[in-house]
Protein backbone atom coordinates (compact mmCIF):
# COMPACT_ATOMS: atom_id res chain seq x y z
CA MET A 1 21.23 177.35 186.60
CA LEU A 2 20.80 173.72 185.53
CA ASP A 3 18.07 174.63 183.04
CA VAL A 4 20.27 177.40 181.62
CA VAL A 5 23.18 175.02 180.97
CA GLY A 6 20.84 172.38 179.54
CA GLY A 7 19.18 175.02 177.38
CA ILE A 8 22.54 176.17 176.03
CA VAL A 9 23.55 172.57 175.22
CA PHE A 10 20.23 172.04 173.43
CA ALA A 11 20.56 175.34 171.53
CA VAL A 12 24.09 174.47 170.35
CA PHE A 13 22.88 171.05 169.23
CA ILE A 14 19.93 172.56 167.35
CA GLY A 15 22.36 174.98 165.70
CA PHE A 16 24.40 171.98 164.52
CA TYR A 17 21.18 170.35 163.27
CA ILE A 18 20.18 173.47 161.32
CA TYR A 19 23.69 173.64 159.84
CA LYS A 20 23.38 170.00 158.70
CA ILE A 21 19.93 170.28 157.12
CA ARG A 22 20.22 173.69 155.47
CA LYS A 23 21.50 172.20 152.22
CA GLU A 24 19.51 168.95 152.32
CA THR A 25 17.44 168.05 149.31
CA TRP A 26 14.15 166.37 150.10
CA ASP A 27 12.59 164.02 147.58
CA ILE A 28 9.62 161.72 148.09
CA LYS A 29 11.71 158.55 148.35
CA LYS A 30 13.95 160.05 151.02
CA ILE A 31 11.00 161.36 153.04
CA VAL A 32 9.23 158.00 152.85
CA VAL A 33 12.34 156.08 153.98
CA MET A 34 12.86 158.53 156.86
CA ALA A 35 9.20 158.23 157.88
CA LEU A 36 9.41 154.42 157.76
CA CYS A 37 12.57 154.49 159.89
CA ALA A 38 10.90 156.80 162.44
CA ALA A 39 7.81 154.56 162.54
CA LEU A 40 9.97 151.43 162.90
CA SER A 41 11.88 153.09 165.76
CA PHE A 42 8.59 153.86 167.46
CA ALA A 43 7.35 150.28 166.97
CA LEU A 44 10.62 148.85 168.32
CA SER A 45 10.42 151.13 171.37
CA MET A 46 7.07 149.50 172.18
CA ILE A 47 8.73 146.07 172.43
CA THR A 48 10.00 146.37 175.98
CA PHE A 49 11.76 143.51 177.76
CA ILE A 50 12.13 145.22 181.13
CA ARG A 51 9.99 148.16 182.31
CA LEU A 52 11.54 150.66 184.74
CA PRO A 53 9.96 153.59 186.61
CA GLN A 54 9.91 157.13 185.15
CA ASP A 55 9.24 155.79 181.61
CA GLY A 56 12.46 153.76 181.41
CA GLY A 57 13.10 150.25 180.18
CA VAL A 58 15.03 147.99 177.83
CA SER A 59 13.52 148.00 174.33
CA LEU A 60 14.40 146.21 171.11
CA ALA A 61 16.96 148.59 169.54
CA PRO A 62 14.72 151.60 168.86
CA MET A 63 17.68 153.78 167.80
CA MET A 64 18.78 151.37 165.06
CA PRO A 65 16.41 152.67 162.32
CA ILE A 66 17.39 156.27 163.12
CA MET A 67 21.07 155.39 162.69
CA LEU A 68 20.20 153.47 159.51
CA ALA A 69 18.49 156.59 158.09
CA ALA A 70 21.63 158.56 158.96
CA TYR A 71 23.90 156.00 157.28
CA ILE A 72 21.72 156.11 154.15
CA TYR A 73 21.10 159.85 153.81
CA GLY A 74 23.50 161.60 156.20
CA ALA A 75 23.42 163.19 159.64
CA GLY A 76 20.82 165.86 158.80
CA ALA A 77 18.29 163.31 157.55
CA GLY A 78 19.08 161.00 160.46
CA MET A 79 18.56 163.78 163.00
CA THR A 80 15.26 164.67 161.33
CA THR A 81 14.23 161.01 161.61
CA GLY A 82 15.18 161.13 165.31
CA LEU A 83 13.13 164.29 165.75
CA VAL A 84 10.06 162.64 164.20
CA TYR A 85 10.59 159.58 166.44
CA GLY A 86 10.84 161.85 169.50
CA LEU A 87 7.55 163.52 168.59
CA LEU A 88 5.91 160.11 168.12
CA LYS A 89 7.30 158.94 171.46
CA ILE A 90 5.81 161.86 173.40
CA MET A 91 2.35 160.98 172.09
CA ASN A 92 2.70 157.53 173.62
CA SER A 93 4.38 158.17 176.96
CA MET A 94 6.50 160.81 178.60
CA TYR A 95 7.69 161.86 182.02
CA ILE A 96 8.35 165.59 182.07
CA LEU A 97 9.82 167.51 184.98
CA THR A 98 10.96 170.70 183.21
CA PRO A 99 10.90 171.96 179.61
CA VAL A 100 14.69 171.58 179.32
CA GLN A 101 14.60 167.99 180.61
CA PHE A 102 11.90 167.30 178.01
CA LEU A 103 13.99 168.81 175.20
CA LEU A 104 17.12 166.90 176.22
CA GLU A 105 15.49 163.50 176.75
CA TYR A 106 12.70 163.41 174.20
CA ILE A 107 14.05 165.58 171.38
CA MET A 108 17.86 165.70 171.54
CA SER A 109 18.39 162.11 172.72
CA PRO A 110 16.94 160.36 169.64
CA MET A 111 18.45 162.98 167.32
CA ILE A 112 22.01 162.65 168.65
CA VAL A 113 22.37 159.01 167.56
CA ALA A 114 22.39 160.16 163.92
CA ILE A 115 26.00 161.28 164.36
CA ALA A 116 26.92 157.60 163.98
CA CYS A 117 27.24 158.18 160.23
CA LEU A 118 29.97 160.79 160.71
CA PHE A 119 32.46 158.00 161.52
CA GLY A 120 32.02 156.31 158.13
CA LYS A 121 29.84 153.64 156.62
CA ASP A 122 32.06 151.77 154.18
CA THR A 123 33.41 149.15 156.64
CA LYS A 124 31.90 147.14 159.49
CA ILE A 125 34.48 148.59 161.91
CA LYS A 126 33.46 152.18 161.08
CA ILE A 127 29.79 151.28 161.44
CA LEU A 128 30.46 149.60 164.80
CA LEU A 129 32.58 152.52 166.03
CA GLY A 130 30.04 155.15 164.93
CA SER A 131 27.11 153.23 166.39
CA ALA A 132 28.89 152.62 169.69
CA ILE A 133 29.93 156.27 170.06
CA ALA A 134 26.43 157.47 169.20
CA GLN A 135 24.89 155.09 171.75
CA PHE A 136 27.45 156.25 174.34
CA LEU A 137 26.53 159.91 173.74
CA ARG A 138 22.86 159.03 174.16
CA PHE A 139 23.71 157.23 177.42
CA LEU A 140 25.77 160.22 178.59
CA LEU A 141 22.83 162.53 177.94
CA HIS A 142 20.40 160.32 179.88
CA PHE A 143 22.98 159.79 182.64
CA ILE A 144 23.46 163.53 183.20
CA VAL A 145 19.73 164.27 182.97
CA GLY A 146 19.01 161.40 185.37
CA ALA A 147 21.56 162.56 187.93
CA THR A 148 20.43 166.18 187.82
CA TYR A 149 16.68 166.15 187.17
CA PHE A 150 15.72 162.81 188.74
CA LYS A 151 17.97 163.01 191.81
CA GLU A 152 15.03 162.84 194.23
CA TYR A 153 14.46 159.23 193.13
CA ALA A 154 17.94 158.29 194.36
CA GLY A 155 16.85 158.70 197.99
CA THR A 156 19.93 158.61 200.19
CA GLU A 157 22.10 157.22 197.39
CA ASN A 158 24.41 159.45 195.37
CA PRO A 159 22.30 160.62 192.37
CA TRP A 160 25.21 160.10 189.95
CA ILE A 161 25.60 156.47 191.04
CA TYR A 162 21.81 155.98 190.92
CA SER A 163 21.64 157.42 187.40
CA PHE A 164 24.58 155.31 186.26
CA PHE A 165 22.96 152.09 187.47
CA TYR A 166 19.55 153.12 186.16
CA ASN A 167 20.66 154.24 182.68
CA GLY A 168 23.84 152.19 182.24
CA PRO A 169 22.39 148.69 181.91
CA VAL A 170 19.56 149.91 179.67
CA SER A 171 21.97 151.75 177.36
CA LEU A 172 24.42 148.84 177.35
CA VAL A 173 21.85 146.21 176.38
CA GLU A 174 20.15 148.42 173.78
CA GLY A 175 23.55 149.53 172.47
CA ILE A 176 24.81 145.97 172.03
CA ILE A 177 21.62 144.93 170.21
CA THR A 178 21.71 148.04 168.01
CA CYS A 179 25.39 147.68 167.12
CA ALA A 180 25.00 143.96 166.37
CA ILE A 181 22.07 144.59 164.02
CA LEU A 182 23.79 147.48 162.23
CA VAL A 183 27.01 145.50 161.76
CA ALA A 184 25.03 142.52 160.44
CA LEU A 185 23.08 144.64 157.93
CA PRO A 186 24.61 145.10 154.48
CA ILE A 187 24.52 148.91 154.81
CA PRO A 188 26.56 149.70 151.67
CA LEU A 189 24.18 147.48 149.64
CA ILE A 190 21.11 149.12 151.22
CA ILE A 191 22.51 152.56 150.39
CA LYS A 192 23.24 151.49 146.82
CA GLN A 193 19.70 150.13 146.35
CA LEU A 194 17.99 153.21 147.83
CA LYS A 195 20.15 155.71 145.95
CA LYS A 196 19.10 154.29 142.56
């Protein structure tokens, strides 16, 4: 039953992704920027401050370049950048229990942060709000997957509490770093320069 619900959530999300990219125009500059953002995300994910079991840990804002790609080119391009990052990440390390857990954690999780751009990009407040909400949705996804698929690692503890204390601090630290960097970046100026 759990895989069915997770599969439906993933299918709905992929439907939203297809809706977003169906009218995208792809030029060389856009593809190169997206590829650079995906590669930078992958490189930042390798800089890990704290390593946790089951392929977890606190990294140096790996979702920031994905959100940046979304702010520059829109949600469809950002989600595509997240998809490429997810594919790069599975070549390096992964911990798979079921196909649905894999799709939710390694494919949907980096793609979902691209929705940050839907909250606006013209003010620092909108960028902060969008980035924080996107990071929260990513945390929520990992929290639910952790409590349902990784519950055997909780031992006698409640799996929801275990997942919260496993995923919460990681998401909080990475989220704060990501939001701080994105707010500090001159995103409107970057967009203006890349859209020339």
